[in-house]
Amino acid sequence: MPTLNTLLAPRLVTLAGFLICAGAMAAALYIQHVDGLEPCPLCIFQRVGVTVAGLFFLLAFAHNPGALGQRIYAALAGAGAIGGAIVAGRHVWLQHLPPDEIPDCGPGLDYMLDVFPMQDVIGLVLHGSGECAELSWQFLGLSMPAWVLVLCVGLTAMVLFQLFRPYRAQ
């Protein structure tokens, strides 16, 4: 019977983090390509945050570094998770605005990337648009951005666990 210390080993925590991120991305891609729900620009930025976190969890799992390396990978995964949480929080806020305060719909992300410098694209996307305020999908009463916010907060908790856990000398 595995002990709690074995189940919470640094390498298994990073594998769990990666699998959670991969599962979330698989669900998002399924909803997009099978159910036909196209992501808005804020949704795409949330996917970037989850993917960055998942990539660093995977690298930590594959590399299996010592205490300092685990903390570095955790901090990098945390940057993705926190970035995803910030964007998801903004998205949830937009979805709860009164109808008269919802921003107008703007150009698509592909167009913005072709025409504007990246700094302007990020500013425009984070400002949000009317399409980002639509509630077109819900599960258990929460919209997709709300679920991404829950996911990113959970990933951040995993990161904090990895950052502040005691590591044994190897």
C-alpha atoms as a PDB file:
ATOM      1  CA  MET A   1       0.000   0.000   0.000  1.00  0.00           C
ATOM      2  CA  PRO A   2       1.558   3.322  -1.041  1.00  0.00           C
ATOM      3  CA  THR A   3       2.025   5.914   1.666  1.00  0.00           C
ATOM      4  CA  LEU A   4       0.975   9.552   1.432  1.00  0.00           C
ATOM      5  CA  ASN A   5       4.630  10.576   1.038  1.00  0.00           C
ATOM      6  CA  THR A   6       4.941   8.243  -1.948  1.00  0.00           C
ATOM      7  CA  LEU A   7       1.754   9.558  -3.554  1.00  0.00           C
ATOM      8  CA  LEU A   8       2.895  13.163  -3.056  1.00  0.00           C
ATOM      9  CA  ALA A   9       6.418  12.565  -4.361  1.00  0.00           C
ATOM     10  CA  PRO A  10       7.594  15.567  -6.415  1.00  0.00           C
ATOM     11  CA  ARG A  11       7.691  13.586  -9.644  1.00  0.00           C
ATOM     12  CA  LEU A  12       4.141  12.259  -9.225  1.00  0.00           C
ATOM     13  CA  VAL A  13       2.813  15.734  -8.396  1.00  0.00           C
ATOM     14  CA  THR A  14       4.346  17.104 -11.612  1.00  0.00           C
ATOM     15  CA  LEU A  15       2.905  14.182 -13.591  1.00  0.00           C
ATOM     16  CA  ALA A  16      -0.527  14.894 -12.090  1.00  0.00           C
ATOM     17  CA  GLY A  17      -0.165  18.580 -12.997  1.00  0.00           C
ATOM     18  CA  PHE A  18       0.707  17.699 -16.580  1.00  0.00           C
ATOM     19  CA  LEU A  19      -2.168  15.209 -16.898  1.00  0.00           C
ATOM     20  CA  ILE A  20      -4.650  17.755 -15.522  1.00  0.00           C
ATOM     21  CA  CYS A  21      -3.465  20.363 -18.045  1.00  0.00           C
ATOM     22  CA  ALA A  22      -3.518  17.837 -20.899  1.00  0.00           C
ATOM     23  CA  GLY A  23      -7.025  16.750 -19.918  1.00  0.00           C
ATOM     24  CA  ALA A  24      -8.230  20.343 -19.808  1.00  0.00           C
ATOM     25  CA  MET A  25      -6.758  21.042 -23.242  1.00  0.00           C
ATOM     26  CA  ALA A  26      -8.270  17.830 -24.644  1.00  0.00           C
ATOM     27  CA  ALA A  27     -11.679  18.885 -23.302  1.00  0.00           C
ATOM     28  CA  ALA A  28     -11.307  22.373 -24.795  1.00  0.00           C
ATOM     29  CA  LEU A  29     -10.327  20.959 -28.184  1.00  0.00           C
ATOM     30  CA  TYR A  30     -13.196  18.452 -28.060  1.00  0.00           C
ATOM     31  CA  ILE A  31     -15.693  21.213 -27.305  1.00  0.00           C
ATOM     32  CA  GLN A  32     -14.249  23.301 -30.126  1.00  0.00           C
ATOM     33  CA  HIS A  33     -13.912  20.672 -32.844  1.00  0.00           C
ATOM     34  CA  VAL A  34     -16.718  18.237 -31.995  1.00  0.00           C
ATOM     35  CA  ASP A  35     -19.320  20.506 -30.400  1.00  0.00           C
ATOM     36  CA  GLY A  36     -18.453  23.426 -32.705  1.00  0.00           C
ATOM     37  CA  LEU A  37     -17.942  26.088 -29.997  1.00  0.00           C
ATOM     38  CA  GLU A  38     -15.280  28.444 -31.351  1.00  0.00           C
ATOM     39  CA  PRO A  39     -13.019  30.037 -28.713  1.00  0.00           C
ATOM     40  CA  CYS A  40     -12.941  33.808 -28.311  1.00  0.00           C
ATOM     41  CA  PRO A  41      -9.571  35.603 -27.997  1.00  0.00           C
ATOM     42  CA  LEU A  42      -9.670  35.464 -24.180  1.00  0.00           C
ATOM     43  CA  CYS A  43     -10.297  31.706 -24.356  1.00  0.00           C
ATOM     44  CA  ILE A  44      -7.227  31.307 -26.553  1.00  0.00           C
ATOM     45  CA  PHE A  45      -5.079  33.233 -24.047  1.00  0.00           C
ATOM     46  CA  GLN A  46      -6.420  30.998 -21.256  1.00  0.00           C
ATOM     47  CA  ARG A  47      -5.363  27.969 -23.280  1.00  0.00           C
ATOM     48  CA  VAL A  48      -1.879  29.450 -23.566  1.00  0.00           C
ATOM     49  CA  GLY A  49      -1.650  29.765 -19.776  1.00  0.00           C
ATOM     50  CA  VAL A  50      -2.793  26.173 -19.197  1.00  0.00           C
ATOM     51  CA  THR A  51      -0.440  24.901 -21.922  1.00  0.00           C
ATOM     52  CA  VAL A  52       2.547  26.761 -20.446  1.00  0.00           C
ATOM     53  CA  ALA A  53       1.798  25.310 -17.000  1.00  0.00           C
ATOM     54  CA  GLY A  54       1.413  21.828 -18.488  1.00  0.00           C
ATOM     55  CA  LEU A  55       4.666  22.120 -20.432  1.00  0.00           C
ATOM     56  CA  PHE A  56       6.655  22.985 -17.299  1.00  0.00           C
ATOM     57  CA  PHE A  57       4.954  20.225 -15.305  1.00  0.00           C
ATOM     58  CA  LEU A  58       5.929  17.790 -18.080  1.00  0.00           C
ATOM     59  CA  LEU A  59       9.519  19.060 -18.173  1.00  0.00           C
ATOM     60  CA  ALA A  60       9.789  18.691 -14.402  1.00  0.00           C
ATOM     61  CA  PHE A  61       8.449  15.139 -14.637  1.00  0.00           C
ATOM     62  CA  ALA A  62      10.821  14.173 -17.457  1.00  0.00           C
ATOM     63  CA  HIS A  63      13.886  15.873 -15.946  1.00  0.00           C
ATOM     64  CA  ASN A  64      13.185  14.850 -12.322  1.00  0.00           C
ATOM     65  CA  PRO A  65      15.583  17.445 -10.879  1.00  0.00           C
ATOM     66  CA  GLY A  66      16.563  17.982  -7.273  1.00  0.00           C
ATOM     67  CA  ALA A  67      14.931  20.442  -4.889  1.00  0.00           C
ATOM     68  CA  LEU A  68      16.132  23.631  -6.620  1.00  0.00           C
ATOM     69  CA  GLY A  69      15.123  22.367 -10.062  1.00  0.00           C
ATOM     70  CA  GLN A  70      11.698  21.310  -8.803  1.00  0.00           C
ATOM     71  CA  ARG A  71      11.179  24.790  -7.402  1.00  0.00           C
ATOM     72  CA  ILE A  72      12.286  26.462 -10.645  1.00  0.00           C
ATOM     73  CA  TYR A  73       9.950  24.311 -12.730  1.00  0.00           C
ATOM     74  CA  ALA A  74       7.151  24.944 -10.238  1.00  0.00           C
ATOM     75  CA  ALA A  75       7.669  28.705 -10.456  1.00  0.00           C
ATOM     76  CA  LEU A  76       7.564  28.572 -14.254  1.00  0.00           C
ATOM     77  CA  ALA A  77       4.426  26.398 -14.219  1.00  0.00           C
ATOM     78  CA  GLY A  78       2.988  28.851 -11.703  1.00  0.00           C
ATOM     79  CA  ALA A  79       3.552  31.733 -14.107  1.00  0.00           C
ATOM     80  CA  GLY A  80       1.389  29.938 -16.689  1.00  0.00           C
ATOM     81  CA  ALA A  81      -1.278  29.023 -14.142  1.00  0.00           C
ATOM     82  CA  ILE A  82      -1.437  32.524 -12.672  1.00  0.00           C
ATOM     83  CA  GLY A  83      -1.523  34.075 -16.152  1.00  0.00           C
ATOM     84  CA  GLY A  84      -4.377  31.745 -17.087  1.00  0.00           C
ATOM     85  CA  ALA A  85      -6.198  32.624 -13.860  1.00  0.00           C
ATOM     86  CA  ILE A  86      -5.868  36.352 -14.504  1.00  0.00           C
ATOM     87  CA  VAL A  87      -7.257  36.051 -18.031  1.00  0.00           C
ATOM     88  CA  ALA A  88     -10.026  33.688 -16.894  1.00  0.00           C
ATOM     89  CA  GLY A  89     -10.925  36.072 -14.051  1.00  0.00           C
ATOM     90  CA  ARG A  90     -11.190  38.943 -16.534  1.00  0.00           C
ATOM     91  CA  HIS A  91     -13.344  36.764 -18.782  1.00  0.00           C
ATOM     92  CA  VAL A  92     -15.694  35.822 -15.928  1.00  0.00           C
ATOM     93  CA  TRP A  93     -15.944  39.515 -14.995  1.00  0.00           C
ATOM     94  CA  LEU A  94     -16.895  40.398 -18.600  1.00  0.00           C
ATOM     95  CA  GLN A  95     -19.570  37.694 -18.584  1.00  0.00           C
ATOM     96  CA  HIS A  96     -21.180  39.228 -15.514  1.00  0.00           C
ATOM     97  CA  LEU A  97     -21.322  42.810 -16.780  1.00  0.00           C
ATOM     98  CA  PRO A  98     -24.750  44.376 -17.302  1.00  0.00           C
ATOM     99  CA  PRO A  99     -25.741  44.276 -21.004  1.00  0.00           C
ATOM    100  CA  ASP A 100     -25.272  48.043 -21.460  1.00  0.00           C
ATOM    101  CA  GLU A 101     -21.640  47.855 -20.223  1.00  0.00           C
ATOM    102  CA  ILE A 102     -20.468  44.992 -22.460  1.00  0.00           C
ATOM    103  CA  PRO A 103     -17.738  46.196 -24.867  1.00  0.00           C
ATOM    104  CA  ASP A 104     -18.434  46.153 -28.594  1.00  0.00           C
ATOM    105  CA  CYS A 105     -17.242  43.181 -30.619  1.00  0.00           C
ATOM    106  CA  GLY A 106     -13.798  43.754 -32.050  1.00  0.00           C
ATOM    107  CA  PRO A 107     -11.761  42.187 -34.840  1.00  0.00           C
ATOM    108  CA  GLY A 108     -10.790  38.519 -34.675  1.00  0.00           C
ATOM    109  CA  LEU A 109      -7.511  37.394 -33.139  1.00  0.00           C
ATOM    110  CA  ASP A 110      -6.046  36.317 -36.492  1.00  0.00           C
ATOM    111  CA  TYR A 111      -6.663  39.778 -37.941  1.00  0.00           C
ATOM    112  CA  MET A 112      -5.203  41.505 -34.870  1.00  0.00           C
ATOM    113  CA  LEU A 113      -2.068  39.344 -35.016  1.00  0.00           C
ATOM    114  CA  ASP A 114      -1.605  40.209 -38.705  1.00  0.00           C
ATOM    115  CA  VAL A 115      -2.152  43.951 -38.321  1.00  0.00           C
ATOM    116  CA  PHE A 116      -1.113  45.075 -34.836  1.00  0.00           C
ATOM    117  CA  PRO A 117       2.106  44.753 -32.824  1.00  0.00           C
ATOM    118  CA  MET A 118       1.953  42.059 -30.120  1.00  0.00           C
ATOM    119  CA  GLN A 119       1.727  44.591 -27.279  1.00  0.00           C
ATOM    120  CA  ASP A 120      -1.383  46.122 -28.860  1.00  0.00           C
ATOM    121  CA  VAL A 121      -2.893  42.668 -29.498  1.00  0.00           C
ATOM    122  CA  ILE A 122      -2.494  41.706 -25.838  1.00  0.00           C
ATOM    123  CA  GLY A 123      -4.065  44.986 -24.729  1.00  0.00           C
ATOM    124  CA  LEU A 124      -7.002  44.614 -27.103  1.00  0.00           C
ATOM    125  CA  VAL A 125      -7.642  40.995 -26.140  1.00  0.00           C
ATOM    126  CA  LEU A 126      -7.496  41.704 -22.410  1.00  0.00           C
ATOM    127  CA  HIS A 127      -9.908  44.591 -22.887  1.00  0.00           C
ATOM    128  CA  GLY A 128     -12.394  41.993 -24.072  1.00  0.00           C
ATOM    129  CA  SER A 129     -15.203  42.223 -26.563  1.00  0.00           C
ATOM    130  CA  GLY A 130     -18.864  41.420 -26.898  1.00  0.00           C
ATOM    131  CA  GLU A 131     -18.172  37.878 -28.038  1.00  0.00           C
ATOM    132  CA  CYS A 132     -16.197  37.249 -24.826  1.00  0.00           C
ATOM    133  CA  ALA A 133     -19.209  38.246 -22.726  1.00  0.00           C
ATOM    134  CA  GLU A 134     -21.502  35.601 -24.246  1.00  0.00           C
ATOM    135  CA  LEU A 135     -22.488  32.675 -22.041  1.00  0.00           C
ATOM    136  CA  SER A 136     -22.601  29.932 -24.659  1.00  0.00           C
ATOM    137  CA  TRP A 137     -21.555  26.924 -22.552  1.00  0.00           C
ATOM    138  CA  GLN A 138     -22.119  25.887 -18.948  1.00  0.00           C
ATOM    139  CA  PHE A 139     -21.485  22.818 -16.826  1.00  0.00           C
ATOM    140  CA  LEU A 140     -22.843  22.544 -13.279  1.00  0.00           C
ATOM    141  CA  GLY A 141     -23.805  26.209 -13.442  1.00  0.00           C
ATOM    142  CA  LEU A 142     -20.320  27.499 -14.295  1.00  0.00           C
ATOM    143  CA  SER A 143     -19.198  28.880 -17.637  1.00  0.00           C
ATOM    144  CA  MET A 144     -16.054  27.593 -19.331  1.00  0.00           C
ATOM    145  CA  PRO A 145     -13.968  30.597 -18.182  1.00  0.00           C
ATOM    146  CA  ALA A 146     -15.155  29.974 -14.612  1.00  0.00           C
ATOM    147  CA  TRP A 147     -13.997  26.361 -14.877  1.00  0.00           C
ATOM    148  CA  VAL A 148     -10.649  27.523 -16.258  1.00  0.00           C
ATOM    149  CA  LEU A 149     -10.372  29.888 -13.287  1.00  0.00           C
ATOM    150  CA  VAL A 150     -11.042  26.973 -10.894  1.00  0.00           C
ATOM    151  CA  LEU A 151      -8.491  24.852 -12.774  1.00  0.00           C
ATOM    152  CA  CYS A 152      -5.815  27.556 -12.680  1.00  0.00           C
ATOM    153  CA  VAL A 153      -6.359  28.201  -8.974  1.00  0.00           C
ATOM    154  CA  GLY A 154      -5.950  24.452  -8.375  1.00  0.00           C
ATOM    155  CA  LEU A 155      -2.781  24.370 -10.479  1.00  0.00           C
ATOM    156  CA  THR A 156      -1.460  27.340  -8.517  1.00  0.00           C
ATOM    157  CA  ALA A 157      -2.095  25.409  -5.285  1.00  0.00           C
ATOM    158  CA  MET A 158      -0.091  22.483  -6.714  1.00  0.00           C
ATOM    159  CA  VAL A 159       2.699  24.889  -7.619  1.00  0.00           C
ATOM    160  CA  LEU A 160       2.726  26.398  -4.138  1.00  0.00           C
ATOM    161  CA  PHE A 161       2.891  22.892  -2.671  1.00  0.00           C
ATOM    162  CA  GLN A 162       5.916  22.130  -4.859  1.00  0.00           C
ATOM    163  CA  LEU A 163       7.579  25.438  -3.997  1.00  0.00           C
ATOM    164  CA  PHE A 164       7.259  25.180  -0.230  1.00  0.00           C
ATOM    165  CA  ARG A 165       7.369  21.447   0.413  1.00  0.00           C
ATOM    166  CA  PRO A 166      10.319  20.024   2.317  1.00  0.00           C
ATOM    167  CA  TYR A 167      12.696  18.133   0.024  1.00  0.00           C
ATOM    168  CA  ARG A 168      14.942  15.371   1.293  1.00  0.00           C
ATOM    169  CA  ALA A 169      18.601  15.449   0.298  1.00  0.00           C
ATOM    170  CA  GLN A 170      19.263  13.065  -2.570  1.00  0.00           C
END
